[in-house]
Amino acid sequence: MAPLRPALRDSVIKRLGLGTSISADLDGLRATYAAWCLNVPFDNVAKMIALRTNPDHPLPGMDATEFFERWLAHGVAGTCWSTSNALCELLLALGFNARRVAGSMGDTGYIGHGSVKVRIDDTDWLADSSMLTDIPIPLTDKVFISEEGIFACESEPSGDTHVVWADLPPAPMVTPCRLLVDPTDHAYYVERFEASRARSPFNDRLYIRRNGESDRCVIVGNRRTRKSADGIETRELNPAELCAALIDEFKISKEFVDEWRACGALEASFAPLTSSPAHTVTPVPPSRRINRD
């Protein structure tokens, strides 16, 4: 896969609000990842369109150049495989020792999640484009528990890998992800993204999430949830409100929202679920198991 062109890299950095000189160290990673979390949503807008209009074509966004050109023009990003691939390519273009990894969201054993590790001074840090934890998560032989409530995250060693945990509203508690494949490559990401046509929570109804400076907002179907220091606010949006939120709050272009609406994705987002999510036993995170006094 060809690296990002310098001109495109610089356009992305400018849109992220970063300076032209980014050091490939921990401070640089923290600044770059925080800017990503604030500006690049996790969303299935392009995927919903592709599944309904181009079912025989590869799913969009797995070429980092395509991904970033679309994001710059329309504000649309993607789900885990495409956003992780793009973030990894951006970090590589900035001089970081980044690599693609994969894991099991919910710790079910099914490998359905892509993420990015960055090696700095003999320590791995997880920069996850889906969890949007605001800070890269250290992956060491010790338990890590963030003190930030809005963007809560944790990690713990488990055998020869790690389990990471993140606050993903509207889920009532932090969600685990076991990292299982390290390293992997672009071809593996493409294969897993294509496999998600048959198994994914992001095929049928709108899912979009992004961070603010001190809050995070997600829309699932037509239900909008906002989490801030004041608590959690949830309400149902009507079709006009939903389209307006995509444009005004999530910064998706009107052109792209019109395309999303025209393919039937708006109506699909209001359709009742055909089945309830399978019940699983949610593991208890380290913060609820370990006495830190």
Protein backbone atom coordinates (compact mmCIF):
# COMPACT_ATOMS: atom_id res chain seq x y z
CA MET A 1 0.00 0.00 0.00
CA ALA A 2 1.44 3.38 -1.03
CA PRO A 3 2.22 5.80 1.81
CA LEU A 4 0.26 9.01 2.16
CA ARG A 5 1.39 11.79 -0.14
CA PRO A 6 3.07 14.58 1.83
CA ALA A 7 0.53 17.12 0.57
CA LEU A 8 -2.40 14.98 1.76
CA ARG A 9 -0.68 14.27 5.07
CA ASP A 10 -0.21 17.99 5.61
CA SER A 11 -3.85 18.73 4.74
CA VAL A 12 -4.98 16.16 7.30
CA ILE A 13 -2.67 17.58 9.97
CA LYS A 14 -3.97 21.07 9.27
CA ARG A 15 -7.61 19.95 9.55
CA LEU A 16 -6.76 18.21 12.84
CA GLY A 17 -5.46 21.51 14.16
CA LEU A 18 -1.91 20.29 14.69
CA GLY A 19 1.27 22.19 14.01
CA THR A 20 3.57 21.35 11.13
CA SER A 21 6.25 19.90 13.41
CA ILE A 22 5.08 16.76 15.22
CA SER A 23 7.67 14.80 17.16
CA ALA A 24 7.47 11.01 16.91
CA ASP A 25 7.57 10.61 20.68
CA LEU A 26 4.97 10.15 23.42
CA ASP A 27 4.07 13.85 23.54
CA GLY A 28 3.58 13.82 19.78
CA LEU A 29 1.44 10.69 19.93
CA ARG A 30 -0.71 12.15 22.68
CA ALA A 31 -1.26 15.36 20.72
CA THR A 32 -2.00 13.56 17.44
CA TYR A 33 -4.37 11.02 18.97
CA ALA A 34 -6.23 13.65 21.02
CA ALA A 35 -6.73 15.69 17.84
CA TRP A 36 -7.99 12.59 16.01
CA CYS A 37 -10.49 11.82 18.79
CA LEU A 38 -11.79 15.39 18.67
CA ASN A 39 -12.13 15.65 14.90
CA VAL A 40 -12.62 12.24 13.28
CA PRO A 41 -15.91 10.47 14.07
CA PHE A 42 -16.54 6.76 14.25
CA ASP A 43 -19.43 6.24 11.87
CA ASN A 44 -21.07 3.82 9.46
CA VAL A 45 -22.51 6.43 7.08
CA ALA A 46 -20.41 5.44 4.05
CA LYS A 47 -20.80 1.74 4.85
CA MET A 48 -24.61 1.99 4.95
CA ILE A 49 -24.60 3.68 1.55
CA ALA A 50 -22.23 1.13 0.03
CA LEU A 51 -24.21 -1.86 1.28
CA ARG A 52 -27.36 -0.47 -0.29
CA THR A 53 -26.02 0.94 -3.56
CA ASN A 54 -22.81 -0.97 -4.44
CA PRO A 55 -23.15 -4.45 -2.89
CA ASP A 56 -20.74 -6.01 -5.40
CA HIS A 57 -17.99 -3.44 -4.87
CA PRO A 58 -15.38 -3.46 -2.08
CA LEU A 59 -16.49 -1.60 1.01
CA PRO A 60 -15.20 1.99 1.07
CA GLY A 61 -12.39 3.54 3.05
CA MET A 62 -9.74 0.83 3.07
CA ASP A 63 -7.43 2.96 0.95
CA ALA A 64 -6.07 5.66 3.29
CA THR A 65 -5.93 8.23 0.51
CA GLU A 66 -9.59 7.65 -0.35
CA PHE A 67 -10.47 7.75 3.35
CA PHE A 68 -8.78 11.07 4.04
CA GLU A 69 -9.91 12.76 0.83
CA ARG A 70 -13.52 11.87 1.67
CA TRP A 71 -13.13 12.97 5.28
CA LEU A 72 -11.63 16.31 4.24
CA ALA A 73 -14.43 16.89 1.73
CA HIS A 74 -17.44 15.50 3.60
CA GLY A 75 -16.56 14.85 7.27
CA VAL A 76 -17.32 11.14 6.86
CA ALA A 77 -14.91 8.62 8.45
CA GLY A 78 -15.75 4.93 8.94
CA THR A 79 -15.88 1.96 11.27
CA CYS A 80 -12.95 0.23 12.95
CA TRP A 81 -11.15 -1.36 9.99
CA SER A 82 -11.06 1.73 7.80
CA THR A 83 -10.39 4.25 10.57
CA SER A 84 -7.64 2.10 12.10
CA ASN A 85 -6.00 1.65 8.72
CA ALA A 86 -6.13 5.40 8.07
CA LEU A 87 -4.82 6.30 11.53
CA CYS A 88 -1.98 3.80 11.19
CA GLU A 89 -0.99 5.25 7.80
CA LEU A 90 -1.10 8.79 9.19
CA LEU A 91 1.09 7.85 12.16
CA LEU A 92 3.55 6.08 9.87
CA ALA A 93 3.68 9.17 7.65
CA LEU A 94 4.52 11.24 10.73
CA GLY A 95 7.42 8.96 11.64
CA PHE A 96 5.84 6.86 14.38
CA ASN A 97 6.57 3.15 14.78
CA ALA A 98 2.91 2.17 14.31
CA ARG A 99 1.38 -1.18 13.39
CA ARG A 100 -2.04 -2.67 12.74
CA VAL A 101 -3.49 -5.09 15.29
CA ALA A 102 -6.85 -6.81 15.72
CA GLY A 103 -8.96 -8.07 18.58
CA SER A 104 -12.31 -9.13 19.91
CA MET A 105 -14.66 -6.37 21.00
CA GLY A 106 -16.69 -7.59 23.95
CA ASP A 107 -14.04 -10.30 24.50
CA THR A 108 -16.23 -12.85 22.73
CA GLY A 109 -13.40 -14.54 20.85
CA TYR A 110 -14.65 -13.31 17.47
CA ILE A 111 -12.04 -11.12 15.77
CA GLY A 112 -14.06 -8.17 14.59
CA HIS A 113 -12.08 -5.14 15.69
CA GLY A 114 -9.08 -3.31 14.23
CA SER A 115 -6.82 -1.04 16.23
CA VAL A 116 -3.34 0.51 16.20
CA LYS A 117 -0.33 0.01 18.45
CA VAL A 118 2.54 2.48 18.58
CA ARG A 119 5.93 1.48 19.96
CA ILE A 120 7.74 4.24 21.88
CA ASP A 121 10.82 3.62 24.02
CA ASP A 122 10.14 -0.13 24.37
CA THR A 123 6.50 0.42 25.40
CA ASP A 124 3.40 -0.20 23.31
CA TRP A 125 0.56 2.33 23.35
CA LEU A 126 -2.91 1.67 21.93
CA ALA A 127 -4.35 4.43 19.75
CA ASP A 128 -7.84 3.16 19.04
CA SER A 129 -9.85 4.98 16.36
CA SER A 130 -13.14 3.44 17.52
CA MET A 131 -12.97 3.75 21.29
CA LEU A 132 -11.81 7.39 21.04
CA THR A 133 -10.31 7.30 24.53
CA ASP A 134 -8.72 10.77 24.15
CA ILE A 135 -5.40 9.42 25.44
CA PRO A 136 -3.31 6.54 24.09
CA ILE A 137 -3.55 3.54 26.43
CA PRO A 138 -0.31 2.05 27.80
CA LEU A 139 0.06 -1.71 27.32
CA THR A 140 2.54 -2.91 29.94
CA ASP A 141 2.82 -5.58 32.62
CA LYS A 142 0.80 -3.39 34.98
CA VAL A 143 -2.87 -2.48 35.18
CA PHE A 144 -3.70 1.00 33.87
CA ILE A 145 -6.86 2.84 34.96
CA SER A 146 -7.61 6.29 33.59
CA GLU A 147 -8.97 8.87 36.00
CA GLU A 148 -10.98 10.61 33.26
CA GLY A 149 -14.65 9.78 33.71
CA ILE A 150 -16.01 10.99 30.36
CA PHE A 151 -13.39 9.11 28.33
CA ALA A 152 -12.79 6.28 30.79
CA CYS A 153 -10.35 3.58 29.72
CA GLU A 154 -8.37 0.78 31.33
CA SER A 155 -5.90 -1.93 30.34
CA GLU A 156 -4.52 -5.03 31.95
CA PRO A 157 -2.11 -7.77 30.92
CA SER A 158 -3.77 -11.12 30.24
CA GLY A 159 -1.55 -14.06 29.34
CA ASP A 160 0.59 -12.96 26.41
CA THR A 161 -1.74 -10.13 25.40
CA HIS A 162 -3.85 -7.34 26.91
CA VAL A 163 -7.51 -6.57 27.51
CA VAL A 164 -8.45 -2.93 27.12
CA TRP A 165 -11.64 -1.32 28.35
CA ALA A 166 -13.41 1.82 27.16
CA ASP A 167 -16.50 3.83 27.96
CA LEU A 168 -18.79 3.52 24.93
CA PRO A 169 -22.18 5.14 25.55
CA PRO A 170 -24.96 4.11 25.53
CA ALA A 171 -23.46 0.92 27.02
CA PRO A 172 -23.97 1.16 30.81
CA MET A 173 -20.39 0.20 31.71
CA VAL A 174 -16.96 0.05 30.10
CA THR A 175 -16.62 -2.45 27.25
CA PRO A 176 -13.69 -4.91 27.03
CA CYS A 177 -11.63 -5.70 23.95
CA ARG A 178 -9.05 -8.50 23.94
CA LEU A 179 -6.15 -7.90 21.56
CA LEU A 180 -5.50 -11.15 19.70
CA VAL A 181 -3.65 -10.55 16.42
CA ASP A 182 -0.38 -8.61 16.56
CA PRO A 183 0.85 -7.59 14.10
CA THR A 184 -1.34 -7.84 11.07
CA ASP A 185 -1.45 -6.11 7.70
CA HIS A 186 -3.63 -4.20 5.27
CA ALA A 187 -4.79 -7.34 3.43
CA TYR A 188 -6.06 -8.83 6.70
CA TYR A 189 -7.94 -5.61 7.46
CA VAL A 190 -9.59 -5.70 4.03
CA GLU A 191 -10.60 -9.34 4.52
CA ARG A 192 -12.11 -8.71 7.94
CA PHE A 193 -13.92 -5.58 6.75
CA GLU A 194 -15.48 -7.53 3.87
CA ALA A 195 -16.44 -10.30 6.31
CA SER A 196 -18.36 -7.70 8.32
CA ARG A 197 -21.03 -7.69 5.59
CA ALA A 198 -22.37 -10.85 7.22
CA ARG A 199 -21.69 -10.02 10.86
CA SER A 200 -21.60 -6.48 12.19
CA PRO A 201 -23.73 -4.17 14.36
CA PHE A 202 -22.98 -1.38 11.88
CA ASN A 203 -24.82 -2.60 8.76
CA ASP A 204 -28.48 -1.82 9.31
CA ARG A 205 -28.90 1.25 11.50
CA LEU A 206 -27.04 4.52 11.87
CA TYR A 207 -24.16 4.51 14.33
CA ILE A 208 -22.06 7.64 14.73
CA ARG A 209 -19.93 8.82 17.65
CA ARG A 210 -17.55 11.68 18.22
CA ASN A 211 -15.88 13.42 21.13
CA GLY A 212 -16.23 17.02 22.19
CA GLU A 213 -13.82 18.90 24.41
CA SER A 214 -15.60 17.71 27.54
CA ASP A 215 -18.37 15.42 26.34
CA ARG A 216 -19.10 12.63 23.90
CA CYS A 217 -22.15 12.12 21.74
CA VAL A 218 -23.47 9.06 19.92
CA ILE A 219 -26.49 8.37 17.75
CA VAL A 220 -27.64 4.77 17.42
CA GLY A 221 -30.60 4.40 15.07
CA ASN A 222 -32.51 7.55 15.92
CA ARG A 223 -31.56 7.71 19.61
CA ARG A 224 -29.05 10.41 20.55
CA THR A 225 -27.02 10.02 23.76
CA ARG A 226 -24.74 12.70 25.16
CA LYS A 227 -22.43 12.08 28.13
CA SER A 228 -20.86 14.96 30.04
CA ALA A 229 -19.88 15.86 33.59
CA ASP A 230 -23.55 16.67 34.18
CA GLY A 231 -24.62 13.11 33.39
CA ILE A 232 -26.19 11.30 30.45
CA GLU A 233 -28.91 12.81 28.26
CA THR A 234 -30.85 10.60 25.85
CA ARG A 235 -33.68 11.42 23.48
CA GLU A 236 -35.30 10.17 20.29
CA LEU A 237 -34.83 12.23 17.13
CA ASN A 238 -37.38 12.57 14.34
CA PRO A 239 -36.15 12.23 10.73
CA ALA A 240 -35.56 15.96 10.24
CA GLU A 241 -33.74 16.25 13.56
CA LEU A 242 -31.58 13.23 12.76
CA CYS A 243 -30.44 14.63 9.41
CA ALA A 244 -29.83 18.04 10.99
CA ALA A 245 -27.72 16.47 13.74
CA LEU A 246 -25.54 14.69 11.19
CA ILE A 247 -24.89 18.00 9.42
CA ASP A 248 -24.72 20.49 12.28
CA GLU A 249 -23.38 18.41 15.15
CA PHE A 250 -21.32 15.71 13.46
CA LYS A 251 -20.18 17.91 10.54
CA ILE A 252 -21.18 15.50 7.77
CA SER A 253 -21.73 17.37 4.50
CA LYS A 254 -25.31 17.92 3.32
CA GLU A 255 -24.35 16.23 0.05
CA PHE A 256 -23.37 13.05 1.85
CA VAL A 257 -26.38 13.12 4.16
CA ASP A 258 -28.65 13.48 1.11
CA GLU A 259 -26.97 10.43 -0.46
CA TRP A 260 -27.35 8.49 2.80
CA ARG A 261 -31.00 9.41 2.97
CA ALA A 262 -31.67 8.61 -0.70
CA CYS A 263 -30.38 5.03 -0.37
CA GLY A 264 -32.93 4.21 2.35
CA ALA A 265 -30.55 4.41 5.31
CA LEU A 266 -32.69 7.00 7.08
CA GLU A 267 -35.75 4.78 7.07
CA ALA A 268 -33.62 1.79 8.10
CA SER A 269 -32.40 3.71 11.15
CA PHE A 270 -35.98 4.05 12.38
CA ALA A 271 -36.93 0.42 11.77
CA PRO A 272 -37.41 -1.71 14.89
CA LEU A 273 -34.70 -4.22 15.66
CA THR A 274 -35.62 -7.65 14.31
CA SER A 275 -33.95 -9.41 17.22
CA SER A 276 -32.49 -8.52 20.58
CA PRO A 277 -28.72 -8.53 21.02
CA ALA A 278 -27.46 -11.84 22.31
CA HIS A 279 -26.91 -11.82 26.05
CA THR A 280 -23.32 -12.18 27.11
CA VAL A 281 -21.67 -12.12 30.50
CA THR A 282 -19.80 -8.82 30.73
CA PRO A 283 -16.42 -9.24 32.45
CA VAL A 284 -15.73 -6.96 35.39
CA PRO A 285 -13.14 -4.24 34.62
CA PRO A 286 -9.99 -3.82 36.74
CA SER A 287 -11.33 -0.65 38.38
CA ARG A 288 -14.08 -2.74 40.00
CA ARG A 289 -11.80 -5.60 41.01
CA ILE A 290 -8.62 -3.97 42.25
CA ASN A 291 -8.23 -2.08 45.50
CA ARG A 292 -6.16 0.98 44.66
CA ASP A 293 -5.97 2.37 48.22
